Amino acid sequence: MSEFRTFKAILWRDVFVTGRELPSFLAQVIIQPFFTLFIFAKVLGDIGYVQGSFAQVLLPGAVALNGFLIAVQSTALPLALDFYWTREIEDRLLAPISIPLVAVEKIVFGALRGLVAGVLMIPIGFLMLDVTWPLSAVPLAMLVLVLGCLAGAAIGMVIGTAVPAHLINVVFAVVLTPLVFTGSAQFPWLTLSDDLLWFKVACALNPLTYASEGMRSQVVSGVPHVPFALDLLALAIAIVGFGVLSMRCFLKRALD
């Protein structure tokens, strides 16, 4: 119980700090996905370069993408700075809580930031685009978003603990760009032809694909999608796999 209270206190401190930095946080999570929706769905749709139904396909993918990426960034960058520059992580490691729980708190907090980022895009998309979601589908769509954010936070911890701080920007450019464009956020995975088999395989290896497909399967009808059960299974495997790897990297870095 003592460790649980400490865990809640540390998590609440991080949430409180985010609240004090709310304007910068909102700018980080809204501006880029807002213009993505505006250009690719609104502008290109109005001038006839994409079909009107593309907005229905893009919005759930954009929500999953924003939650996933913010979870990665919110976990990776602070960890890299804490371990290599500010050394603030030492305060957490000296708290009356086990080291693995410190790592879990970082993942949970990164996932929370990602979840907020994803949820914020839903009303923005509704206001900007001619899109509707069935209310009954929202709970399962939110479940997929939560799992996608947890997977993103676990990946972010691997990056933040395994990469030196002076290389973090390079790694973001090398890793995040492929994650964005192989995550099936802009297209249904099953519509990829066998002529692009290498790209189809790359998308299948990206956990973001299953977050995008899972949300799309719940809120968009008439579009081919990966079976929902497979989406949940793939996200669970990603969370466990990257979670275990990130825990090992965190413990190694913390003990060093």
Foldseek 3Di string as FASTA:
>chain_A
DVQVVVLVVVLVVVVVVCVVVVVVLCCVLDDVLLVVLCVPQPVCCVVVVDPNCLLLLQQLLSLLLSLLQQLLCQLQQVLLCCLAPPVPVVVVPPPPHHLLSVLVSSLVSSNVSSLVSSVVSVVSSVVRGVFDFPPVLVVQLSVLSSLSSSLSNLNSLLNNLVDHNVCSVVCCVVPVVLLSVLLCSSHALVPDDCVVVVSSVSSVVRLSVLSSLLNSVRGPPPGDGDDNVVSVVSSVCSNVVSNVSSSVSSVVSVVD
